PDB file of N, CA and C in Angstrom:
ATOM      1  N   MET A   1     100.712 102.858  98.167  1.00  0.00           N
ATOM      2  CA  MET A   1      99.949 103.498  97.482  1.00  0.00           C
ATOM      3  C   MET A   1      98.338 102.889  97.722  1.00  0.00           C
ATOM      4  N   ILE A   2      97.614 103.465  98.372  1.00  0.00           N
ATOM      5  CA  ILE A   2      96.112 103.446  98.876  1.00  0.00           C
ATOM      6  C   ILE A   2      95.466 103.120  97.373  1.00  0.00           C
ATOM      7  N   ASP A   3      94.617 102.608  97.473  1.00  0.00           N
ATOM      8  CA  ASP A   3      93.643 102.330  96.394  1.00  0.00           C
ATOM      9  C   ASP A   3      92.083 102.711  97.248  1.00  0.00           C
ATOM     10  N   THR A   4      91.239 103.259  96.616  1.00  0.00           N
ATOM     11  CA  THR A   4      89.871 103.464  97.392  1.00  0.00           C
ATOM     12  C   THR A   4      88.819 102.039  97.467  1.00  0.00           C
ATOM     13  N   ASP A   5      89.348 101.380  96.648  1.00  0.00           N
ATOM     14  CA  ASP A   5      88.725  99.905  96.853  1.00  0.00           C
ATOM     15  C   ASP A   5      89.035  99.369  98.167  1.00  0.00           C
ATOM     16  N   ARG A   6      90.342  99.326  98.060  1.00  0.00           N
ATOM     17  CA  ARG A   6      90.798  98.462  99.587  1.00  0.00           C
ATOM     18  C   ARG A   6      90.358  99.261 100.580  1.00  0.00           C
ATOM     19  N   VAL A   7      90.334 100.554 100.770  1.00  0.00           N
ATOM     20  CA  VAL A   7      89.643 101.442 102.109  1.00  0.00           C
ATOM     21  C   VAL A   7      88.309 101.087 102.514  1.00  0.00           C
ATOM     22  N   THR A   8      87.609 101.132 101.197  1.00  0.00           N
ATOM     23  CA  THR A   8      85.863 101.053 101.566  1.00  0.00           C
ATOM     24  C   THR A   8      85.549  99.470 101.619  1.00  0.00           C
ATOM     25  N   GLY A   9      86.376  98.900 101.210  1.00  0.00           N
ATOM     26  CA  GLY A   9      86.033  97.402 101.213  1.00  0.00           C
ATOM     27  C   GLY A   9      86.515  96.856 102.718  1.00  0.00           C
ATOM     28  N   ALA A  10      87.463  97.460 103.248  1.00  0.00           N
ATOM     29  CA  ALA A  10      87.837  97.092 104.428  1.00  0.00           C
ATOM     30  C   ALA A  10      86.745  97.816 105.680  1.00  0.00           C
ATOM     31  N   VAL A  11      86.286  99.092 105.430  1.00  0.00           N
ATOM     32  CA  VAL A  11      85.302  99.464 106.039  1.00  0.00           C
ATOM     33  C   VAL A  11      84.064  98.903 105.791  1.00  0.00           C
ATOM     34  N   LYS A  12      83.671  98.699 104.638  1.00  0.00           N
ATOM     35  CA  LYS A  12      82.472  97.780 104.535  1.00  0.00           C
ATOM     36  C   LYS A  12      82.520  96.455 105.191  1.00  0.00           C
ATOM     37  N   GLU A  13      83.493  95.785 105.519  1.00  0.00           N
ATOM     38  CA  GLU A  13      83.851  94.563 105.959  1.00  0.00           C
ATOM     39  C   GLU A  13      83.814  94.751 107.372  1.00  0.00           C
ATOM     40  N   LEU A  14      83.896  95.847 107.744  1.00  0.00           N
ATOM     41  CA  LEU A  14      84.017  95.600 109.298  1.00  0.00           C
ATOM     42  C   LEU A  14      82.280  96.145 109.542  1.00  0.00           C
ATOM     43  N   GLY A  15      81.702  96.859 108.859  1.00  0.00           N
ATOM     44  CA  GLY A  15      80.369  97.183 109.136  1.00  0.00           C
ATOM     45  C   GLY A  15      79.650  95.900 109.237  1.00  0.00           C
ATOM     46  N   GLY A  16      79.959  94.970 107.965  1.00  0.00           N
ATOM     47  CA  GLY A  16      79.031  93.712 107.651  1.00  0.00           C
ATOM     48  C   GLY A  16      79.371  92.963 109.163  1.00  0.00           C
ATOM     49  N   LYS A  17      80.764  93.005 109.456  1.00  0.00           N
ATOM     50  CA  LYS A  17      80.808  92.056 110.805  1.00  0.00           C
ATOM     51  C   LYS A  17      80.029  92.676 112.095  1.00  0.00           C
ATOM     52  N   VAL A  18      79.870  93.889 112.206  1.00  0.00           N
ATOM     53  CA  VAL A  18      79.126  94.310 113.533  1.00  0.00           C
ATOM     54  C   VAL A  18      77.502  94.136 113.184  1.00  0.00           C
ATOM     55  N   GLN A  19      77.308  94.227 111.826  1.00  0.00           N
ATOM     56  CA  GLN A  19      75.447  94.203 111.706  1.00  0.00           C
ATOM     57  C   GLN A  19      75.506  92.398 111.935  1.00  0.00           C
ATOM     58  N   SER A  20      76.454  91.692 111.353  1.00  0.00           N
ATOM     59  CA  SER A  20      76.449  90.089 111.646  1.00  0.00           C
ATOM     60  C   SER A  20      76.193  89.874 113.194  1.00  0.00           C
ATOM     61  N   GLU A  21      77.136  90.392 113.954  1.00  0.00           N
ATOM     62  CA  GLU A  21      77.194  90.252 115.463  1.00  0.00           C
ATOM     63  C   GLU A  21      76.233  90.578 116.088  1.00  0.00           C
ATOM     64  N   VAL A  22      75.678  91.966 115.752  1.00  0.00           N
ATOM     65  CA  VAL A  22      74.208  92.301 116.449  1.00  0.00           C
ATOM     66  C   VAL A  22      73.106  91.595 116.074  1.00  0.00           C
ATOM     67  N   GLY A  23      72.980  91.352 114.856  1.00  0.00           N
ATOM     68  CA  GLY A  23      72.184  89.905 114.514  1.00  0.00           C
ATOM     69  C   GLY A  23      71.942  88.737 115.219  1.00  0.00           C
ATOM     70  N   GLU A  24      73.581  88.240 115.597  1.00  0.00           N
ATOM     71  CA  GLU A  24      73.371  87.340 116.467  1.00  0.00           C
ATOM     72  C   GLU A  24      72.886  87.666 117.689  1.00  0.00           C
ATOM     73  N   LEU A  25      73.496  88.461 118.030  1.00  0.00           N
ATOM     74  CA  LEU A  25      72.907  88.794 119.794  1.00  0.00           C
ATOM     75  C   LEU A  25      71.410  89.245 119.813  1.00  0.00           C
ATOM     76  N   SER A  26      70.974  89.966 118.760  1.00  0.00           N
ATOM     77  CA  SER A  26      69.401  90.281 119.038  1.00  0.00           C
ATOM     78  C   SER A  26      68.661  89.104 118.525  1.00  0.00           C
ATOM     79  N   GLY A  27      69.373  88.114 117.996  1.00  0.00           N
ATOM     80  CA  GLY A  27      68.492  86.719 117.713  1.00  0.00           C
ATOM     81  C   GLY A  27      68.024  87.102 116.112  1.00  0.00           C
ATOM     82  N   SER A  28      68.436  88.190 115.662  1.00  0.00           N
ATOM     83  CA  SER A  28      67.804  88.249 114.003  1.00  0.00           C
ATOM     84  C   SER A  28      68.461  87.542 112.987  1.00  0.00           C
ATOM     85  N   THR A  29      67.939  86.905 112.497  1.00  0.00           N
ATOM     86  CA  THR A  29      69.028  85.522 111.761  1.00  0.00           C
ATOM     87  C   THR A  29      68.731  86.510 110.247  1.00  0.00           C
ATOM     88  N   ARG A  30      67.851  87.352 110.102  1.00  0.00           N
ATOM     89  CA  ARG A  30      67.924  87.983 108.734  1.00  0.00           C
ATOM     90  C   ARG A  30      69.634  88.955 108.829  1.00  0.00           C
ATOM     91  N   ASP A  31      69.296  90.056 109.833  1.00  0.00           N
ATOM     92  CA  ASP A  31      70.618  90.844 110.059  1.00  0.00           C
ATOM     93  C   ASP A  31      71.970  89.795 110.013  1.00  0.00           C
ATOM     94  N   ALA A  32      71.798  88.909 110.936  1.00  0.00           N
ATOM     95  CA  ALA A  32      73.283  88.185 110.908  1.00  0.00           C
ATOM     96  C   ALA A  32      73.631  87.842 109.561  1.00  0.00           C
ATOM     97  N   VAL A  33      72.672  87.218 108.447  1.00  0.00           N
ATOM     98  CA  VAL A  33      72.840  86.741 107.433  1.00  0.00           C
ATOM     99  C   VAL A  33      73.219  87.970 106.589  1.00  0.00           C
ATOM    100  N   GLU A  34      72.965  89.034 106.670  1.00  0.00           N
ATOM    101  CA  GLU A  34      73.107  90.241 105.779  1.00  0.00           C
ATOM    102  C   GLU A  34      74.362  90.375 106.080  1.00  0.00           C
ATOM    103  N   GLY A  35      74.637  90.520 107.288  1.00  0.00           N
ATOM    104  CA  GLY A  35      75.885  91.309 107.961  1.00  0.00           C
ATOM    105  C   GLY A  35      77.063  90.036 107.370  1.00  0.00           C
ATOM    106  N   LEU A  36      76.923  88.777 107.102  1.00  0.00           N
ATOM    107  CA  LEU A  36      78.023  87.990 106.541  1.00  0.00           C
ATOM    108  C   LEU A  36      78.321  87.912 104.982  1.00  0.00           C
ATOM    109  N   VAL A  37      76.868  88.370 104.595  1.00  0.00           N
ATOM    110  CA  VAL A  37      76.799  88.587 103.093  1.00  0.00           C
ATOM    111  C   VAL A  37      77.646  90.022 102.829  1.00  0.00           C
ATOM    112  N   SER A  38      77.292  90.790 103.264  1.00  0.00           N
ATOM    113  CA  SER A  38      78.312  92.152 103.151  1.00  0.00           C
ATOM    114  C   SER A  38      79.636  91.974 103.466  1.00  0.00           C
ATOM    115  N   GLN A  39      79.843  91.427 104.585  1.00  0.00           N
ATOM    116  CA  GLN A  39      81.466  90.983 104.723  1.00  0.00           C
ATOM    117  C   GLN A  39      82.018  90.423 103.779  1.00  0.00           C
ATOM    118  N   LYS A  40      81.492  89.412 102.892  1.00  0.00           N
ATOM    119  CA  LYS A  40      82.132  88.457 101.976  1.00  0.00           C
ATOM    120  C   LYS A  40      82.234  89.684 100.591  1.00  0.00           C
ATOM    121  N   ALA A  41      81.102  90.364 100.361  1.00  0.00           N
ATOM    122  CA  ALA A  41      81.187  91.312  99.292  1.00  0.00           C
ATOM    123  C   ALA A  41      82.337  92.453  99.558  1.00  0.00           C
ATOM    124  N   ALA A  42      82.329  92.945 100.840  1.00  0.00           N
ATOM    125  CA  ALA A  42      83.424  93.920 100.996  1.00  0.00           C
ATOM    126  C   ALA A  42      84.829  93.287 101.173  1.00  0.00           C
ATOM    127  N   ARG A  43      85.068  91.935 101.583  1.00  0.00           N
ATOM    128  CA  ARG A  43      86.296  91.506 101.117  1.00  0.00           C
ATOM    129  C   ARG A  43      86.692  91.044  99.878  1.00  0.00           C
ATOM    130  N   ALA A  44      85.769  90.666  98.925  1.00  0.00           N
ATOM    131  CA  ALA A  44      85.953  91.098  97.732  1.00  0.00           C
ATOM    132  C   ALA A  44      86.648  92.099  97.037  1.00  0.00           C
ATOM    133  N   GLU A  45      85.705  93.283  97.380  1.00  0.00           N
ATOM    134  CA  GLU A  45      86.031  94.824  97.085  1.00  0.00           C
ATOM    135  C   GLU A  45      87.619  94.866  97.437  1.00  0.00           C
ATOM    136  N   ARG A  46      87.728  94.727  98.773  1.00  0.00           N
ATOM    137  CA  ARG A  46      89.104  94.818  99.201  1.00  0.00           C
ATOM    138  C   ARG A  46      90.103  94.306  98.488  1.00  0.00           C
ATOM    139  N   ASP A  47      89.819  92.741  98.323  1.00  0.00           N
ATOM    140  CA  ASP A  47      90.717  91.771  97.490  1.00  0.00           C
ATOM    141  C   ASP A  47      91.053  92.510  95.871  1.00  0.00           C
ATOM    142  N   TYR A  48      90.253  93.199  95.621  1.00  0.00           N
ATOM    143  CA  TYR A  48      89.974  93.890  94.370  1.00  0.00           C
ATOM    144  C   TYR A  48      91.167  94.849  93.848  1.00  0.00           C
ATOM    145  N   GLY A  49      90.836  95.715  95.148  1.00  0.00           N
ATOM    146  CA  GLY A  49      91.573  96.908  95.404  1.00  0.00           C
ATOM    147  C   GLY A  49      93.102  96.685  95.427  1.00  0.00           C
ATOM    148  N   GLN A  50      93.430  95.463  96.357  1.00  0.00           N
ATOM    149  CA  GLN A  50      94.546  94.867  96.212  1.00  0.00           C
ATOM    150  C   GLN A  50      95.447  94.436  95.304  1.00  0.00           C
ATOM    151  N   ALA A  51      94.379  93.693  94.210  1.00  0.00           N
ATOM    152  CA  ALA A  51      95.089  93.295  93.139  1.00  0.00           C
ATOM    153  C   ALA A  51      95.448  94.423  92.091  1.00  0.00           C
ATOM    154  N   LYS A  52      94.607  95.524  92.291  1.00  0.00           N
ATOM    155  CA  LYS A  52      94.765  96.651  91.292  1.00  0.00           C
ATOM    156  C   LYS A  52      96.470  97.212  91.621  1.00  0.00           C
ATOM    157  N   VAL A  53      96.482  97.271  92.983  1.00  0.00           N
ATOM    158  CA  VAL A  53      97.473  98.060  93.453  1.00  0.00           C
ATOM    159  C   VAL A  53      99.103  96.976  92.856  1.00  0.00           C
ATOM    160  N   ARG A  54      98.864  95.779  93.157  1.00  0.00           N
ATOM    161  CA  ARG A  54      99.946  94.825  92.760  1.00  0.00           C
ATOM    162  C   ARG A  54     100.132  95.160  91.045  1.00  0.00           C
ATOM    163  N   LEU A  55      99.252  95.001  90.405  1.00  0.00           N
ATOM    164  CA  LEU A  55      99.060  94.654  89.139  1.00  0.00           C
ATOM    165  C   LEU A  55     100.028  96.368  88.396  1.00  0.00           C
ATOM    166  N   ARG A  56      99.776  97.475  89.185  1.00  0.00           N
ATOM    167  CA  ARG A  56     100.174  98.841  88.811  1.00  0.00           C
ATOM    168  C   ARG A  56     101.550  98.902  89.482  1.00  0.00           C
ATOM    169  N   LYS A  57     101.678  98.146  90.096  1.00  0.00           N
ATOM    170  CA  LYS A  57     103.338  98.340  90.814  1.00  0.00           C
ATOM    171  C   LYS A  57     104.026  97.289  89.933  1.00  0.00           C
ATOM    172  N   GLY A  58     103.382  96.143  89.287  1.00  0.00           N
ATOM    173  CA  GLY A  58     104.386  95.319  88.251  1.00  0.00           C
ATOM    174  C   GLY A  58     104.367  96.078  86.991  1.00  0.00           C
ATOM    175  N   ALA A  59     103.593  96.611  86.499  1.00  0.00           N
ATOM    176  CA  ALA A  59     103.606  97.692  85.433  1.00  0.00           C
ATOM    177  C   ALA A  59     104.679  98.550  85.424  1.00  0.00           C
ATOM    178  N   ASP A  60     104.757  99.461  86.509  1.00  0.00           N
ATOM    179  CA  ASP A  60     105.857 100.419  87.008  1.00  0.00           C
ATOM    180  C   ASP A  60     107.273  99.616  86.886  1.00  0.00           C
ATOM    181  N   ASP A  61     107.149  98.711  87.288  1.00  0.00           N
ATOM    182  CA  ASP A  61     108.379  97.576  87.564  1.00  0.00           C
ATOM    183  C   ASP A  61     108.955  97.192  86.124  1.00  0.00           C
ATOM    184  N   VAL A  62     108.108  96.798  85.295  1.00  0.00           N
ATOM    185  CA  VAL A  62     108.367  96.716  83.982  1.00  0.00           C
ATOM    186  C   VAL A  62     108.606  98.010  83.007  1.00  0.00           C
ATOM    187  N   ALA A  63     108.000  98.999  83.283  1.00  0.00           N
ATOM    188  CA  ALA A  63     108.584 100.216  82.721  1.00  0.00           C
ATOM    189  C   ALA A  63     109.798 100.649  83.048  1.00  0.00           C
ATOM    190  N   ASP A  64     110.112 100.434  84.380  1.00  0.00           N
ATOM    191  CA  ASP A  64     111.546 100.966  84.792  1.00  0.00           C
ATOM    192  C   ASP A  64     112.505 100.152  84.258  1.00  0.00           C
ATOM    193  N   TYR A  65     112.388  98.494  84.392  1.00  0.00           N
ATOM    194  CA  TYR A  65     113.517  97.749  83.621  1.00  0.00           C
ATOM    195  C   TYR A  65     113.881  97.871  82.358  1.00  0.00           C
ATOM    196  N   ALA A  66     112.346  98.358  81.549  1.00  0.00           N
ATOM    197  CA  ALA A  66     112.466  98.834  79.888  1.00  0.00           C
ATOM    198  C   ALA A  66     113.411 100.108  79.741  1.00  0.00           C
ATOM    199  N   GLU A  67     113.216 100.852  80.545  1.00  0.00           N
ATOM    200  CA  GLU A  67     113.863 102.559  80.607  1.00  0.00           C
ATOM    201  C   GLU A  67     115.171 102.141  80.592  1.00  0.00           C
ATOM    202  N   GLU A  68     115.614 101.121  81.857  1.00  0.00           N
ATOM    203  CA  GLU A  68     116.968 100.893  82.341  1.00  0.00           C
ATOM    204  C   GLU A  68     117.835 100.082  80.665  1.00  0.00           C
ATOM    205  N   GLY A  69     117.262  99.164  80.159  1.00  0.00           N
ATOM    206  CA  GLY A  69     117.707  98.679  79.270  1.00  0.00           C
ATOM    207  C   GLY A  69     117.892  99.603  77.980  1.00  0.00           C
ATOM    208  N   TYR A  70     116.848 100.142  77.827  1.00  0.00           N
ATOM    209  CA  TYR A  70     116.722 101.285  76.594  1.00  0.00           C
ATOM    210  C   TYR A  70     118.177 102.101  77.203  1.00  0.00           C
ATOM    211  N   ARG A  71     118.392 102.820  78.141  1.00  0.00           N
ATOM    212  CA  ARG A  71     119.546 103.435  78.611  1.00  0.00           C
ATOM    213  C   ARG A  71     121.038 102.599  78.130  1.00  0.00           C
ATOM    214  N   THR A  72     120.771 101.393  78.618  1.00  0.00           N
ATOM    215  CA  THR A  72     122.123 101.055  78.643  1.00  0.00           C
ATOM    216  C   THR A  72     122.713 100.599  77.181  1.00  0.00           C
ATOM    217  N   GLY A  73     121.548 100.043  76.460  1.00  0.00           N
ATOM    218  CA  GLY A  73     121.894  99.856  74.891  1.00  0.00           C
ATOM    219  C   GLY A  73     122.410 101.138  74.298  1.00  0.00           C
ATOM    220  N   LYS A  74     121.467 102.162  74.362  1.00  0.00           N
ATOM    221  CA  LYS A  74     121.991 103.403  73.965  1.00  0.00           C
ATOM    222  C   LYS A  74     123.397 103.935  74.173  1.00  0.00           C
ATOM    223  N   ARG A  75     123.564 103.405  75.701  1.00  0.00           N
ATOM    224  CA  ARG A  75     125.170 103.695  76.223  1.00  0.00           C
ATOM    225  C   ARG A  75     125.903 102.702  75.042  1.00  0.00           C
ATOM    226  N   TYR A  76     125.799 101.519  74.978  1.00  0.00           N
ATOM    227  CA  TYR A  76     126.776 100.744  74.322  1.00  0.00           C
ATOM    228  C   TYR A  76     126.773 100.851  72.716  1.00  0.00           C
ATOM    229  N   LEU A  77     125.804 101.480  72.204  1.00  0.00           N
ATOM    230  CA  LEU A  77     125.754 101.837  71.024  1.00  0.00           C
ATOM    231  C   LEU A  77     126.347 103.312  70.505  1.00  0.00           C
ATOM    232  N   LYS A  78     126.697 104.131  71.910  1.00  0.00           N
ATOM    233  CA  LYS A  78     127.657 105.390  71.638  1.00  0.00           C
ATOM    234  C   LYS A  78     129.047 105.120  71.763  1.00  0.00           C
ATOM    235  N   GLU A  79     129.346 103.925  72.630  1.00  0.00           N
ATOM    236  CA  GLU A  79     130.709 103.484  72.747  1.00  0.00           C
ATOM    237  C   GLU A  79     131.039 103.067  71.632  1.00  0.00           C
ATOM    238  N   GLY A  80     130.376 101.886  71.278  1.00  0.00           N
ATOM    239  CA  GLY A  80     130.488 101.331  69.655  1.00  0.00           C
ATOM    240  C   GLY A  80     131.161 102.205  68.933  1.00  0.00           C
ATOM    241  N   HIS A  81     130.342 103.358  68.726  1.00  0.00           N
ATOM    242  CA  HIS A  81     130.238 104.246  67.481  1.00  0.00           C
ATOM    243  C   HIS A  81     131.869 105.033  67.578  1.00  0.00           C
ATOM    244  N   GLU A  82     131.847 105.342  69.149  1.00  0.00           N
ATOM    245  CA  GLU A  82     133.252 106.003  69.333  1.00  0.00           C
ATOM    246  C   GLU A  82     134.300 105.159  69.197  1.00  0.00           C
ATOM    247  N   GLN A  83     134.610 104.207  69.210  1.00  0.00           N
ATOM    248  CA  GLN A  83     135.394 103.283  68.982  1.00  0.00           C
ATOM    249  C   GLN A  83     135.799 103.189  67.572  1.00  0.00           C
ATOM    250  N   SER A  84     134.520 102.884  67.051  1.00  0.00           N
ATOM    251  CA  SER A  84     134.791 102.587  65.451  1.00  0.00           C
ATOM    252  C   SER A  84     135.353 103.972  64.783  1.00  0.00           C
ATOM    253  N   VAL A  85     134.958 105.120  65.408  1.00  0.00           N
ATOM    254  CA  VAL A  85     135.246 106.272  64.669  1.00  0.00           C
ATOM    255  C   VAL A  85     136.876 106.449  65.178  1.00  0.00           C
ATOM    256  N   LYS A  86     137.346 106.068  66.091  1.00  0.00           N
ATOM    257  CA  LYS A  86     138.863 106.223  66.881  1.00  0.00           C
ATOM    258  C   LYS A  86     139.851 105.410  66.094  1.00  0.00           C
ATOM    259  N   TRP A  87     139.099 103.718  65.420  1.00  0.00           N
ATOM    260  CA  TRP A  87     139.983 102.803  65.064  1.00  0.00           C
ATOM    261  C   TRP A  87     139.201 102.490  63.893  1.00  0.00           C
ATOM    262  N   PRO A  88     139.026 103.015  62.790  1.00  0.00           N
ATOM    263  CA  PRO A  88     138.295 102.894  61.463  1.00  0.00           C
ATOM    264  C   PRO A  88     138.707 101.640  60.912  1.00  0.00           C
ATOM    265  N   HIS A  89     139.989 101.302  61.095  1.00  0.00           N
ATOM    266  CA  HIS A  89     140.737 100.045  60.045  1.00  0.00           C
ATOM    267  C   HIS A  89     140.176  98.732  60.901  1.00  0.00           C
ATOM    268  N   THR A  90     140.026  98.839  62.041  1.00  0.00           N
ATOM    269  CA  THR A  90     139.662  97.762  62.910  1.00  0.00           C
ATOM    270  C   THR A  90     138.192  97.503  62.754  1.00  0.00           C
ATOM    271  N   SER A  91     137.693  98.685  62.713  1.00  0.00           N
ATOM    272  CA  SER A  91     135.940  98.377  62.443  1.00  0.00           C
ATOM    273  C   SER A  91     135.847  97.553  60.585  1.00  0.00           C
ATOM    274  N   LEU A  92     136.568  98.015  60.108  1.00  0.00           N
ATOM    275  CA  LEU A  92     136.401  97.299  58.839  1.00  0.00           C
ATOM    276  C   LEU A  92     136.688  95.793  58.599  1.00  0.00           C
ATOM    277  N   LEU A  93     137.718  95.742  59.612  1.00  0.00           N
ATOM    278  CA  LEU A  93     138.098  94.200  59.649  1.00  0.00           C
ATOM    279  C   LEU A  93     137.127  93.349  60.338  1.00  0.00           C
ATOM    280  N   VAL A  94     136.711  94.196  61.196  1.00  0.00           N
ATOM    281  CA  VAL A  94     135.399  93.464  62.121  1.00  0.00           C
ATOM    282  C   VAL A  94     134.238  93.198  61.002  1.00  0.00           C
TER     283      VAL A  94
END
């Protein structure tokens, strides 16, 4: 699953790195620093996107486990009911 924050963060990070390198090569301290700041902000955006993807996957996994538990419980309840109808005297003893 691709998240737009991950993609834009990675692109902006690359742009910041290029700006920083150009600033260093041209001797422009301002461009070099702005590039580093852009890089760090973009990395944070990319990491935010990764966190969203991981949380989404975790929520999906929890929902899958809950659904599986529900189906299993329903099956056991049905089997128990069938057994109680099949053997009513045993059910009374229990």
